[in-house]
Amino acid sequence: MSDDPETAERKMRFLFALRQRGVTDPRVLEAMERIDRGEFVRGHFEDRAYDDTPLPIPCGQTISQPSVVGLMTQALEVGPRDKVLEIGTGSGYQAAVLSLLCRRVYTIDRHRRLVAEAEALFRHLGLPNITALVADGSRGLPEQAPFDRIMVTAAAEDPPGPLLAQLKIGGIMVVPVGQSDAVQTLIRVRRGESGFDYDELRQVRFVPLVEGLGQT
């Protein structure tokens, strides 16, 4: 079923806003055009699904601002054969975008409710290359390591050691770093033969990376 004219217009403005804010990679833009953010925003905030703003979701979490999703995805430089680990499933929106760009996505979250709801959406959207798991994101997913790319959608005080260890030589990790009550810096980490190189990309604000499992 095609969109009504108002929704189609909002989606067009949505993509224009991504370009205006620096999302220029054609593959990332195509993926974000194909994955409808409206599927991931329900209830009170669904009329704002195509606004370039973060929005609340259950369990005290948020769905990230679309331009930040685009810029983080672009910075990750995902290839079609890559195996990607995402820390912080949240609504599932970021994992869905990544799934169109790579071979397989493993996404983990500490909240069972979020993982269950995201899994249902992935099935609904026909995205079979995403595996969603309830786990402690600060520990990563060692049984599936190493990963070509790691995306962290919660802020740590420093890039977590267990995640750095699970990154392949030649791999890239994108992670927000900083105190949870202050503006954080988005960091891109590249793992080379002799160590890690760090690039500061931009200021961001994310929920904190919390150890352990949630209650819901």
N, C-alpha and C. Protein backbone atom coordinates (compact mmCIF):
# COMPACT_ATOMS: atom_id res chain seq x y z
N MET A 1 0.85 -1.20 0.00
CA MET A 1 0.00 0.00 0.00
C MET A 1 0.89 1.25 0.00
N SER A 2 0.61 2.18 -0.89
CA SER A 2 1.42 3.39 -0.96
C SER A 2 1.05 4.35 0.16
N ASP A 3 2.00 5.24 0.49
CA ASP A 3 1.76 6.22 1.54
C ASP A 3 0.76 7.26 1.08
N ASP A 4 0.04 7.82 2.04
CA ASP A 4 -0.79 8.97 1.72
C ASP A 4 0.13 10.16 1.41
N PRO A 5 -0.37 11.19 0.71
CA PRO A 5 0.50 12.30 0.30
C PRO A 5 1.22 12.97 1.47
N GLU A 6 0.56 13.11 2.61
CA GLU A 6 1.19 13.77 3.76
C GLU A 6 2.37 12.95 4.28
N THR A 7 2.17 11.62 4.41
CA THR A 7 3.26 10.76 4.88
C THR A 7 4.40 10.73 3.87
N ALA A 8 4.08 10.65 2.59
CA ALA A 8 5.12 10.66 1.56
C ALA A 8 5.95 11.94 1.63
N GLU A 9 5.27 13.06 1.87
CA GLU A 9 5.97 14.35 1.99
C GLU A 9 6.89 14.35 3.21
N ARG A 10 6.41 13.80 4.32
CA ARG A 10 7.23 13.76 5.54
C ARG A 10 8.46 12.89 5.34
N LYS A 11 8.29 11.78 4.62
CA LYS A 11 9.44 10.90 4.36
C LYS A 11 10.45 11.58 3.45
N MET A 12 9.97 12.34 2.48
CA MET A 12 10.87 13.06 1.58
C MET A 12 11.68 14.11 2.37
N ARG A 13 10.99 14.83 3.27
CA ARG A 13 11.69 15.81 4.11
C ARG A 13 12.69 15.11 5.04
N PHE A 14 12.33 13.92 5.50
CA PHE A 14 13.19 13.12 6.37
C PHE A 14 14.52 12.84 5.67
N LEU A 15 14.46 12.37 4.43
CA LEU A 15 15.68 12.06 3.69
C LEU A 15 16.47 13.32 3.35
N PHE A 16 15.77 14.40 3.05
CA PHE A 16 16.45 15.67 2.78
C PHE A 16 17.21 16.14 4.02
N ALA A 17 16.59 15.99 5.20
CA ALA A 17 17.24 16.40 6.45
C ALA A 17 18.49 15.58 6.71
N LEU A 18 18.46 14.28 6.38
CA LEU A 18 19.66 13.45 6.56
C LEU A 18 20.81 14.00 5.73
N ARG A 19 20.54 14.32 4.48
CA ARG A 19 21.59 14.86 3.60
C ARG A 19 22.11 16.20 4.12
N GLN A 20 21.19 17.03 4.57
CA GLN A 20 21.58 18.35 5.09
C GLN A 20 22.52 18.23 6.29
N ARG A 21 22.37 17.16 7.06
CA ARG A 21 23.16 16.98 8.28
C ARG A 21 24.39 16.13 8.07
N GLY A 22 24.70 15.82 6.81
CA GLY A 22 25.98 15.19 6.51
C GLY A 22 25.95 13.71 6.18
N VAL A 23 24.76 13.13 6.10
CA VAL A 23 24.66 11.72 5.69
C VAL A 23 24.65 11.70 4.16
N THR A 24 25.77 11.34 3.57
CA THR A 24 25.94 11.44 2.11
C THR A 24 26.23 10.10 1.44
N ASP A 25 26.55 9.06 2.22
CA ASP A 25 26.85 7.75 1.65
C ASP A 25 25.59 7.19 0.99
N PRO A 26 25.63 6.91 -0.34
CA PRO A 26 24.42 6.46 -1.03
C PRO A 26 23.84 5.17 -0.46
N ARG A 27 24.70 4.24 -0.04
CA ARG A 27 24.19 2.97 0.52
C ARG A 27 23.45 3.21 1.83
N VAL A 28 23.98 4.10 2.66
CA VAL A 28 23.33 4.40 3.95
C VAL A 28 22.00 5.10 3.71
N LEU A 29 21.97 6.06 2.80
CA LEU A 29 20.72 6.76 2.50
C LEU A 29 19.67 5.80 1.95
N GLU A 30 20.10 4.88 1.07
CA GLU A 30 19.15 3.92 0.51
C GLU A 30 18.59 3.02 1.61
N ALA A 31 19.45 2.57 2.52
CA ALA A 31 18.99 1.72 3.62
C ALA A 31 18.00 2.46 4.51
N MET A 32 18.27 3.73 4.77
CA MET A 32 17.39 4.51 5.64
C MET A 32 16.09 4.89 4.94
N GLU A 33 16.12 4.88 3.62
CA GLU A 33 14.88 5.09 2.89
C GLU A 33 14.03 3.82 2.92
N ARG A 34 14.68 2.66 2.85
CA ARG A 34 13.96 1.39 2.84
C ARG A 34 13.43 1.01 4.22
N ILE A 35 14.16 1.33 5.28
CA ILE A 35 13.70 0.99 6.64
C ILE A 35 12.87 2.15 7.16
N ASP A 36 11.58 1.94 7.29
CA ASP A 36 10.64 2.98 7.69
C ASP A 36 10.71 3.20 9.20
N ARG A 37 11.22 4.36 9.62
CA ARG A 37 11.31 4.64 11.06
C ARG A 37 9.94 4.61 11.73
N GLY A 38 8.88 4.87 10.95
CA GLY A 38 7.54 4.83 11.50
C GLY A 38 7.16 3.48 12.07
N GLU A 39 7.78 2.40 11.58
CA GLU A 39 7.52 1.06 12.11
C GLU A 39 8.05 0.90 13.54
N PHE A 40 9.02 1.74 13.91
CA PHE A 40 9.72 1.58 15.19
C PHE A 40 9.27 2.58 16.25
N VAL A 41 8.35 3.46 15.89
CA VAL A 41 7.85 4.47 16.83
C VAL A 41 6.35 4.26 16.96
N ARG A 42 5.90 3.89 18.14
CA ARG A 42 4.50 3.58 18.37
C ARG A 42 3.95 4.41 19.52
N GLY A 43 2.61 4.52 19.54
CA GLY A 43 1.97 5.18 20.67
C GLY A 43 2.02 6.69 20.56
N HIS A 44 2.25 7.34 21.70
CA HIS A 44 2.12 8.79 21.83
C HIS A 44 3.00 9.57 20.85
N PHE A 45 4.14 8.99 20.47
CA PHE A 45 5.11 9.75 19.66
C PHE A 45 5.10 9.37 18.18
N GLU A 46 4.16 8.53 17.75
CA GLU A 46 4.25 8.02 16.38
C GLU A 46 4.10 9.12 15.33
N ASP A 47 3.42 10.22 15.68
CA ASP A 47 3.28 11.30 14.71
C ASP A 47 4.59 12.08 14.52
N ARG A 48 5.60 11.76 15.32
CA ARG A 48 6.91 12.42 15.20
C ARG A 48 7.98 11.48 14.65
N ALA A 49 7.54 10.36 14.08
CA ALA A 49 8.49 9.33 13.64
C ALA A 49 9.48 9.85 12.61
N TYR A 50 9.09 10.84 11.80
CA TYR A 50 9.98 11.32 10.74
C TYR A 50 10.65 12.64 11.10
N ASP A 51 10.54 13.06 12.36
CA ASP A 51 11.29 14.22 12.84
C ASP A 51 12.72 13.81 13.14
N ASP A 52 13.66 14.71 12.94
CA ASP A 52 15.06 14.40 13.25
C ASP A 52 15.32 14.68 14.73
N THR A 53 14.75 13.81 15.56
CA THR A 53 14.87 13.98 17.00
C THR A 53 14.84 12.61 17.67
N PRO A 54 15.55 12.43 18.79
CA PRO A 54 15.39 11.18 19.55
C PRO A 54 14.02 11.15 20.21
N LEU A 55 13.49 9.96 20.43
CA LEU A 55 12.17 9.81 21.04
C LEU A 55 12.21 8.72 22.10
N PRO A 56 11.39 8.85 23.14
CA PRO A 56 11.36 7.81 24.19
C PRO A 56 10.77 6.50 23.67
N ILE A 57 11.32 5.40 24.17
CA ILE A 57 10.75 4.07 23.96
C ILE A 57 10.67 3.39 25.32
N PRO A 58 10.08 2.21 25.44
CA PRO A 58 9.97 1.57 26.75
C PRO A 58 11.32 1.32 27.43
N CYS A 59 11.25 1.00 28.72
CA CYS A 59 12.41 0.64 29.54
C CYS A 59 13.36 1.82 29.76
N GLY A 60 12.83 3.05 29.64
CA GLY A 60 13.65 4.23 29.88
C GLY A 60 14.71 4.49 28.82
N GLN A 61 14.54 3.91 27.64
CA GLN A 61 15.52 4.07 26.56
C GLN A 61 14.98 5.03 25.51
N THR A 62 15.75 5.23 24.44
CA THR A 62 15.33 6.13 23.36
C THR A 62 15.64 5.50 22.01
N ILE A 63 14.89 5.93 21.00
CA ILE A 63 15.26 5.67 19.60
C ILE A 63 16.05 6.89 19.15
N SER A 64 17.24 6.65 18.61
CA SER A 64 18.16 7.75 18.33
C SER A 64 17.64 8.67 17.24
N GLN A 65 18.17 9.87 17.26
CA GLN A 65 17.91 10.87 16.22
C GLN A 65 18.34 10.29 14.87
N PRO A 66 17.49 10.33 13.85
CA PRO A 66 17.82 9.70 12.57
C PRO A 66 19.15 10.16 11.97
N SER A 67 19.46 11.44 12.06
CA SER A 67 20.72 11.90 11.47
C SER A 67 21.92 11.30 12.21
N VAL A 68 21.78 11.06 13.52
CA VAL A 68 22.86 10.43 14.27
C VAL A 68 22.99 8.96 13.87
N VAL A 69 21.85 8.28 13.68
CA VAL A 69 21.88 6.90 13.16
C VAL A 69 22.62 6.88 11.82
N GLY A 70 22.28 7.82 10.95
CA GLY A 70 22.92 7.86 9.63
C GLY A 70 24.41 8.14 9.71
N LEU A 71 24.79 9.10 10.53
CA LEU A 71 26.21 9.46 10.65
C LEU A 71 27.02 8.34 11.29
N MET A 72 26.43 7.66 12.30
CA MET A 72 27.14 6.54 12.93
C MET A 72 27.28 5.38 11.95
N THR A 73 26.23 5.11 11.19
CA THR A 73 26.28 4.03 10.21
C THR A 73 27.31 4.34 9.13
N GLN A 74 27.33 5.58 8.68
CA GLN A 74 28.30 6.02 7.68
C GLN A 74 29.72 5.87 8.20
N ALA A 75 29.94 6.26 9.46
CA ALA A 75 31.28 6.19 10.06
C ALA A 75 31.76 4.75 10.22
N LEU A 76 30.81 3.82 10.33
CA LEU A 76 31.18 2.41 10.53
C LEU A 76 31.73 1.76 9.26
N GLU A 77 31.44 2.37 8.10
CA GLU A 77 31.98 1.88 6.82
C GLU A 77 31.68 0.39 6.62
N VAL A 78 30.41 0.04 6.72
CA VAL A 78 30.00 -1.37 6.68
C VAL A 78 30.07 -1.91 5.25
N GLY A 79 30.64 -3.10 5.11
CA GLY A 79 30.70 -3.77 3.81
C GLY A 79 29.72 -4.92 3.74
N PRO A 80 29.36 -5.35 2.52
CA PRO A 80 28.33 -6.39 2.35
C PRO A 80 28.69 -7.75 2.92
N ARG A 81 29.96 -8.02 3.17
CA ARG A 81 30.37 -9.31 3.75
C ARG A 81 30.63 -9.23 5.24
N ASP A 82 30.42 -8.07 5.83
CA ASP A 82 30.79 -7.88 7.24
C ASP A 82 29.82 -8.55 8.21
N LYS A 83 30.39 -8.99 9.33
CA LYS A 83 29.62 -9.45 10.48
C LYS A 83 29.68 -8.35 11.53
N VAL A 84 28.50 -7.85 11.93
CA VAL A 84 28.41 -6.65 12.77
C VAL A 84 27.80 -7.00 14.12
N LEU A 85 28.37 -6.45 15.17
CA LEU A 85 27.80 -6.53 16.52
C LEU A 85 27.27 -5.15 16.89
N GLU A 86 25.99 -5.12 17.32
CA GLU A 86 25.41 -3.88 17.85
C GLU A 86 25.15 -4.05 19.34
N ILE A 87 25.62 -3.10 20.12
CA ILE A 87 25.37 -3.08 21.56
C ILE A 87 24.26 -2.08 21.83
N GLY A 88 23.10 -2.57 22.30
CA GLY A 88 21.97 -1.70 22.58
C GLY A 88 20.93 -1.77 21.48
N THR A 89 20.13 -2.83 21.48
CA THR A 89 19.12 -3.02 20.43
C THR A 89 18.09 -1.89 20.43
N GLY A 90 17.63 -1.50 21.63
CA GLY A 90 16.62 -0.45 21.73
C GLY A 90 15.38 -0.80 20.93
N SER A 91 14.97 0.11 20.05
CA SER A 91 13.79 -0.11 19.22
C SER A 91 14.04 -1.13 18.11
N GLY A 92 15.30 -1.37 17.78
CA GLY A 92 15.66 -2.22 16.66
C GLY A 92 15.94 -1.47 15.37
N TYR A 93 15.74 -0.15 15.38
CA TYR A 93 15.87 0.65 14.16
C TYR A 93 17.29 0.61 13.59
N GLN A 94 18.28 0.83 14.46
CA GLN A 94 19.67 0.84 13.98
C GLN A 94 20.06 -0.52 13.41
N ALA A 95 19.69 -1.59 14.10
CA ALA A 95 20.02 -2.95 13.60
C ALA A 95 19.37 -3.20 12.25
N ALA A 96 18.13 -2.74 12.07
CA ALA A 96 17.44 -2.94 10.80
C ALA A 96 18.17 -2.22 9.67
N VAL A 97 18.62 -0.99 9.91
CA VAL A 97 19.38 -0.26 8.90
C VAL A 97 20.68 -1.01 8.57
N LEU A 98 21.39 -1.45 9.61
CA LEU A 98 22.65 -2.17 9.40
C LEU A 98 22.43 -3.46 8.61
N SER A 99 21.29 -4.11 8.83
CA SER A 99 21.04 -5.42 8.21
C SER A 99 21.01 -5.35 6.68
N LEU A 100 20.68 -4.18 6.14
CA LEU A 100 20.65 -4.02 4.68
C LEU A 100 22.03 -3.76 4.10
N LEU A 101 23.01 -3.54 4.96
CA LEU A 101 24.35 -3.16 4.51
C LEU A 101 25.40 -4.25 4.70
N CYS A 102 25.07 -5.29 5.47
CA CYS A 102 26.09 -6.28 5.84
C CYS A 102 25.55 -7.70 5.70
N ARG A 103 26.41 -8.66 6.00
CA ARG A 103 26.01 -10.07 5.90
C ARG A 103 25.15 -10.48 7.08
N ARG A 104 25.57 -10.12 8.32
CA ARG A 104 24.82 -10.52 9.51
C ARG A 104 25.01 -9.51 10.62
N VAL A 105 23.92 -9.27 11.36
CA VAL A 105 23.96 -8.40 12.54
C VAL A 105 23.60 -9.23 13.77
N TYR A 106 24.45 -9.13 14.77
CA TYR A 106 24.11 -9.62 16.11
C TYR A 106 23.85 -8.38 16.96
N THR A 107 22.65 -8.29 17.53
CA THR A 107 22.31 -7.13 18.35
C THR A 107 21.91 -7.61 19.73
N ILE A 108 22.43 -6.97 20.77
CA ILE A 108 22.14 -7.40 22.13
C ILE A 108 21.66 -6.22 22.97
N ASP A 109 20.77 -6.54 23.91
CA ASP A 109 20.24 -5.53 24.81
C ASP A 109 19.99 -6.19 26.16
N ARG A 110 20.06 -5.39 27.23
CA ARG A 110 19.85 -5.91 28.58
C ARG A 110 18.38 -6.01 28.95
N HIS A 111 17.49 -5.48 28.11
CA HIS A 111 16.06 -5.48 28.41
C HIS A 111 15.33 -6.51 27.55
N ARG A 112 14.74 -7.51 28.19
CA ARG A 112 14.05 -8.58 27.46
C ARG A 112 12.90 -8.04 26.61
N ARG A 113 12.16 -7.07 27.16
CA ARG A 113 11.01 -6.54 26.42
C ARG A 113 11.46 -5.92 25.10
N LEU A 114 12.54 -5.16 25.13
CA LEU A 114 13.00 -4.51 23.90
C LEU A 114 13.44 -5.53 22.87
N VAL A 115 14.15 -6.57 23.31
CA VAL A 115 14.60 -7.60 22.38
C VAL A 115 13.41 -8.32 21.76
N ALA A 116 12.41 -8.66 22.58
CA ALA A 116 11.23 -9.37 22.06
C ALA A 116 10.47 -8.51 21.05
N GLU A 117 10.29 -7.23 21.35
CA GLU A 117 9.56 -6.35 20.44
C GLU A 117 10.35 -6.12 19.15
N ALA A 118 11.69 -5.98 19.28
CA ALA A 118 12.51 -5.79 18.08
C ALA A 118 12.48 -7.04 17.21
N GLU A 119 12.56 -8.23 17.83
CA GLU A 119 12.52 -9.47 17.05
C GLU A 119 11.22 -9.57 16.25
N ALA A 120 10.11 -9.19 16.87
CA ALA A 120 8.83 -9.23 16.17
C ALA A 120 8.84 -8.30 14.95
N LEU A 121 9.45 -7.13 15.11
CA LEU A 121 9.54 -6.19 13.99
C LEU A 121 10.44 -6.72 12.88
N PHE A 122 11.55 -7.33 13.27
CA PHE A 122 12.46 -7.88 12.25
C PHE A 122 11.74 -8.95 11.42
N ARG A 123 10.95 -9.79 12.08
CA ARG A 123 10.18 -10.80 11.35
C ARG A 123 9.15 -10.14 10.43
N HIS A 124 8.46 -9.13 10.96
CA HIS A 124 7.44 -8.42 10.20
C HIS A 124 8.03 -7.77 8.94
N LEU A 125 9.25 -7.25 9.07
CA LEU A 125 9.89 -6.54 7.96
C LEU A 125 10.68 -7.48 7.04
N GLY A 126 10.75 -8.76 7.40
CA GLY A 126 11.47 -9.71 6.57
C GLY A 126 12.96 -9.49 6.57
N LEU A 127 13.55 -9.38 7.77
CA LEU A 127 14.99 -9.15 7.92
C LEU A 127 15.61 -10.37 8.61
N PRO A 128 15.90 -11.43 7.87
CA PRO A 128 16.33 -12.69 8.48
C PRO A 128 17.77 -12.73 8.95
N ASN A 129 18.57 -11.73 8.60
CA ASN A 129 20.00 -11.77 8.94
C ASN A 129 20.32 -11.03 10.24
N ILE A 130 19.31 -10.83 11.09
CA ILE A 130 19.53 -10.21 12.40
C ILE A 130 19.27 -11.25 13.49
N THR A 131 20.24 -11.40 14.40
CA THR A 131 20.06 -12.23 15.59
C THR A 131 20.03 -11.30 16.80
N ALA A 132 18.91 -11.29 17.52
CA ALA A 132 18.75 -10.42 18.69
C ALA A 132 18.81 -11.26 19.96
N LEU A 133 19.59 -10.82 20.93
CA LEU A 133 19.83 -11.59 22.14
C LEU A 133 19.74 -10.70 23.38
N VAL A 134 19.28 -11.28 24.48
CA VAL A 134 19.31 -10.60 25.78
C VAL A 134 20.66 -10.91 26.42
N ALA A 135 21.45 -9.88 26.66
CA ALA A 135 22.78 -10.08 27.23
C ALA A 135 23.32 -8.76 27.78
N ASP A 136 24.42 -8.86 28.52
CA ASP A 136 25.11 -7.70 29.07
C ASP A 136 25.99 -7.11 27.97
N GLY A 137 25.59 -5.96 27.43
CA GLY A 137 26.31 -5.38 26.31
C GLY A 137 27.75 -5.01 26.61
N SER A 138 28.05 -4.72 27.87
CA SER A 138 29.42 -4.32 28.21
C SER A 138 30.40 -5.47 28.01
N ARG A 139 29.88 -6.70 27.95
CA ARG A 139 30.74 -7.87 27.75
C ARG A 139 30.81 -8.31 26.30
N GLY A 140 29.97 -7.71 25.46
CA GLY A 140 29.96 -8.09 24.05
C GLY A 140 29.36 -9.46 23.84
N LEU A 141 29.84 -10.14 22.82
CA LEU A 141 29.33 -11.47 22.47
C LEU A 141 30.52 -12.34 22.07
N PRO A 142 31.32 -12.76 23.07
CA PRO A 142 32.58 -13.44 22.76
C PRO A 142 32.43 -14.72 21.95
N GLU A 143 31.27 -15.40 22.10
CA GLU A 143 31.11 -16.67 21.38
C GLU A 143 30.97 -16.48 19.87
N GLN A 144 30.68 -15.26 19.43
CA GLN A 144 30.58 -14.98 17.99
C GLN A 144 31.74 -14.12 17.48
N ALA A 145 32.64 -13.74 18.36
CA ALA A 145 33.77 -12.89 17.97
C ALA A 145 34.76 -13.69 17.12
N PRO A 146 35.59 -12.99 16.30
CA PRO A 146 35.68 -11.53 16.20
C PRO A 146 34.68 -10.96 15.20
N PHE A 147 34.46 -9.65 15.31
CA PHE A 147 33.52 -8.95 14.45
C PHE A 147 34.26 -7.97 13.53
N ASP A 148 33.73 -7.82 12.32
CA ASP A 148 34.30 -6.84 11.39
C ASP A 148 33.98 -5.42 11.83
N ARG A 149 32.78 -5.24 12.39
CA ARG A 149 32.32 -3.92 12.82
C ARG A 149 31.55 -4.06 14.13
N ILE A 150 31.70 -3.06 15.01
CA ILE A 150 30.94 -3.02 16.26
C ILE A 150 30.35 -1.63 16.40
N MET A 151 29.03 -1.58 16.62
CA MET A 151 28.31 -0.33 16.85
C MET A 151 27.80 -0.33 18.29
N VAL A 152 28.14 0.72 19.03
CA VAL A 152 27.69 0.84 20.42
C VAL A 152 26.74 2.03 20.50
N THR A 153 25.51 1.79 20.95
CA THR A 153 24.51 2.86 20.99
C THR A 153 24.17 3.26 22.41
N ALA A 154 25.16 3.13 23.30
CA ALA A 154 25.06 3.62 24.67
C ALA A 154 26.46 4.11 25.06
N ALA A 155 26.51 5.10 25.94
CA ALA A 155 27.78 5.77 26.21
C ALA A 155 28.57 5.09 27.33
N ALA A 156 29.84 4.85 27.07
CA ALA A 156 30.76 4.32 28.07
C ALA A 156 31.76 5.42 28.45
N GLU A 157 32.35 5.29 29.63
CA GLU A 157 33.37 6.28 30.02
C GLU A 157 34.62 6.15 29.16
N ASP A 158 34.90 4.93 28.74
CA ASP A 158 36.00 4.65 27.81
C ASP A 158 35.52 3.53 26.89
N PRO A 159 36.12 3.39 25.69
CA PRO A 159 35.76 2.24 24.85
C PRO A 159 35.97 0.94 25.63
N PRO A 160 34.92 0.13 25.81
CA PRO A 160 35.03 -1.05 26.69
C PRO A 160 36.07 -2.05 26.19
N GLY A 161 36.94 -2.49 27.09
CA GLY A 161 37.98 -3.44 26.76
C GLY A 161 37.48 -4.73 26.12
N PRO A 162 36.42 -5.36 26.67
CA PRO A 162 35.93 -6.59 26.05
C PRO A 162 35.47 -6.39 24.60
N LEU A 163 34.94 -5.21 24.29
CA LEU A 163 34.50 -4.95 22.92
C LEU A 163 35.69 -4.72 22.00
N LEU A 164 36.68 -4.00 22.47
CA LEU A 164 37.90 -3.81 21.68
C LEU A 164 38.54 -5.16 21.35
N ALA A 165 38.52 -6.07 22.32
CA ALA A 165 39.14 -7.39 22.12
C ALA A 165 38.38 -8.22 21.10
N GLN A 166 37.09 -7.92 20.88
CA GLN A 166 36.26 -8.70 19.96
C GLN A 166 36.24 -8.11 18.55
N LEU A 167 37.03 -7.07 18.34
CA LEU A 167 37.11 -6.42 17.03
C LEU A 167 38.24 -7.05 16.22
N LYS A 168 37.95 -7.41 14.98
CA LYS A 168 38.96 -7.99 14.10
C LYS A 168 40.08 -6.99 13.80
N ILE A 169 41.26 -7.51 13.48
CA ILE A 169 42.29 -6.67 12.90
C ILE A 169 41.73 -6.08 11.61
N GLY A 170 41.82 -4.77 11.45
CA GLY A 170 41.22 -4.09 10.31
C GLY A 170 39.77 -3.68 10.55
N GLY A 171 39.24 -4.02 11.72
CA GLY A 171 37.85 -3.71 12.04
C GLY A 171 37.67 -2.30 12.57
N ILE A 172 36.40 -1.89 12.63
CA ILE A 172 36.03 -0.54 13.08
C ILE A 172 34.95 -0.65 14.13
N MET A 173 35.08 0.15 15.18
CA MET A 173 34.03 0.29 16.18
C MET A 173 33.65 1.77 16.30
N VAL A 174 32.35 2.04 16.39
CA VAL A 174 31.87 3.40 16.64
C VAL A 174 31.18 3.39 17.99
N VAL A 175 31.59 4.29 18.89
CA VAL A 175 31.11 4.26 20.27
C VAL A 175 31.06 5.67 20.85
N PRO A 176 29.96 6.05 21.52
CA PRO A 176 29.94 7.32 22.25
C PRO A 176 30.69 7.16 23.57
N VAL A 177 31.53 8.13 23.88
CA VAL A 177 32.36 8.06 25.08
C VAL A 177 32.16 9.32 25.90
N GLY A 178 31.98 9.14 27.21
CA GLY A 178 31.84 10.28 28.10
C GLY A 178 30.93 9.98 29.27
N GLN A 179 30.90 10.89 30.24
CA GLN A 179 30.03 10.73 31.41
C GLN A 179 28.57 10.78 30.99
N SER A 180 27.72 10.02 31.66
CA SER A 180 26.31 9.92 31.26
C SER A 180 25.55 11.22 31.44
N ASP A 181 26.01 12.10 32.32
CA ASP A 181 25.27 13.34 32.58
C ASP A 181 25.88 14.54 31.86
N ALA A 182 26.75 14.27 30.88
CA ALA A 182 27.38 15.35 30.14
C ALA A 182 27.34 15.01 28.65
N VAL A 183 27.66 15.99 27.83
CA VAL A 183 27.76 15.74 26.39
C VAL A 183 28.91 14.77 26.14
N GLN A 184 28.66 13.82 25.28
CA GLN A 184 29.66 12.79 24.99
C GLN A 184 30.25 13.02 23.59
N THR A 185 31.33 12.32 23.33
CA THR A 185 32.00 12.40 22.03
C THR A 185 31.87 11.07 21.32
N LEU A 186 31.47 11.12 20.07
CA LEU A 186 31.40 9.92 19.25
C LEU A 186 32.79 9.61 18.73
N ILE A 187 33.26 8.39 19.01
CA ILE A 187 34.61 7.97 18.66
C ILE A 187 34.56 6.85 17.64
N ARG A 188 35.43 6.92 16.64
CA ARG A 188 35.63 5.79 15.73
C ARG A 188 36.98 5.15 16.04
N VAL A 189 36.94 3.86 16.32
CA VAL A 189 38.15 3.11 16.66
C VAL A 189 38.47 2.16 15.51
N ARG A 190 39.70 2.24 15.02
CA ARG A 190 40.17 1.29 14.00
C ARG A 190 41.24 0.41 14.63
N ARG A 191 41.08 -0.89 14.46
CA ARG A 191 42.08 -1.81 15.01
C ARG A 191 43.08 -2.18 13.94
N GLY A 192 44.34 -1.87 14.20
CA GLY A 192 45.41 -2.22 13.28
C GLY A 192 46.27 -3.34 13.86
N GLU A 193 47.27 -3.74 13.12
CA GLU A 193 48.17 -4.81 13.56
C GLU A 193 48.87 -4.46 14.87
N SER A 194 49.14 -3.17 15.07
CA SER A 194 49.94 -2.78 16.23
C SER A 194 49.13 -2.06 17.31
N GLY A 195 47.80 -2.02 17.17
CA GLY A 195 47.02 -1.34 18.21
C GLY A 195 45.78 -0.67 17.64
N PHE A 196 45.30 0.34 18.37
CA PHE A 196 44.05 1.00 18.03
C PHE A 196 44.28 2.47 17.71
N ASP A 197 43.61 2.95 16.67
CA ASP A 197 43.61 4.37 16.34
C ASP A 197 42.22 4.94 16.63
N TYR A 198 42.18 6.16 17.18
CA TYR A 198 40.93 6.76 17.61
C TYR A 198 40.70 8.08 16.87
N ASP A 199 39.49 8.25 16.34
CA ASP A 199 39.09 9.52 15.72
C ASP A 199 37.88 10.06 16.47
N GLU A 200 37.91 11.34 16.83
CA GLU A 200 36.74 11.99 17.41
C GLU A 200 35.88 12.53 16.27
N LEU A 201 34.58 12.18 16.27
CA LEU A 201 33.71 12.53 15.15
C LEU A 201 32.81 13.72 15.44
N ARG A 202 32.10 13.71 16.56
CA ARG A 202 31.16 14.78 16.87
C ARG A 202 30.65 14.62 18.29
N GLN A 203 29.98 15.66 18.80
CA GLN A 203 29.36 15.58 20.11
C GLN A 203 27.99 14.90 19.98
N VAL A 204 27.66 14.05 20.95
CA VAL A 204 26.39 13.33 20.95
C VAL A 204 25.89 13.21 22.40
N ARG A 205 24.69 12.67 22.54
CA ARG A 205 24.17 12.36 23.87
C ARG A 205 23.40 11.04 23.80
N PHE A 206 23.87 10.05 24.54
CA PHE A 206 23.25 8.73 24.58
C PHE A 206 22.98 8.31 26.02
N VAL A 207 22.07 7.35 26.18
CA VAL A 207 21.89 6.75 27.50
C VAL A 207 23.18 6.02 27.87
N PRO A 208 23.45 5.83 29.17
CA PRO A 208 24.70 5.19 29.57
C PRO A 208 24.69 3.69 29.30
N LEU A 209 25.88 3.15 29.05
CA LEU A 209 26.07 1.71 28.93
C LEU A 209 26.11 1.13 30.35
N VAL A 210 25.13 0.28 30.66
CA VAL A 210 24.97 -0.24 32.01
C VAL A 210 25.31 -1.73 32.02
N GLU A 211 26.08 -2.16 33.00
CA GLU A 211 26.41 -3.57 33.11
C GLU A 211 25.23 -4.36 33.66
N GLY A 212 25.21 -5.67 33.38
CA GLY A 212 24.16 -6.53 33.92
C GLY A 212 22.92 -6.51 33.04
N LEU A 213 21.89 -7.27 33.47
CA LEU A 213 20.64 -7.36 32.74
C LEU A 213 19.58 -6.48 33.39
N GLY A 214 18.62 -6.00 32.60
CA GLY A 214 17.54 -5.20 33.11
C GLY A 214 16.47 -6.06 33.79
N GLN A 215 15.55 -5.41 34.44
CA GLN A 215 14.46 -6.11 35.14
C GLN A 215 13.30 -6.44 34.22
N THR A 216 13.27 -5.79 33.04
CA THR A 216 12.14 -6.01 32.13
C THR A 216 12.62 -6.48 30.78
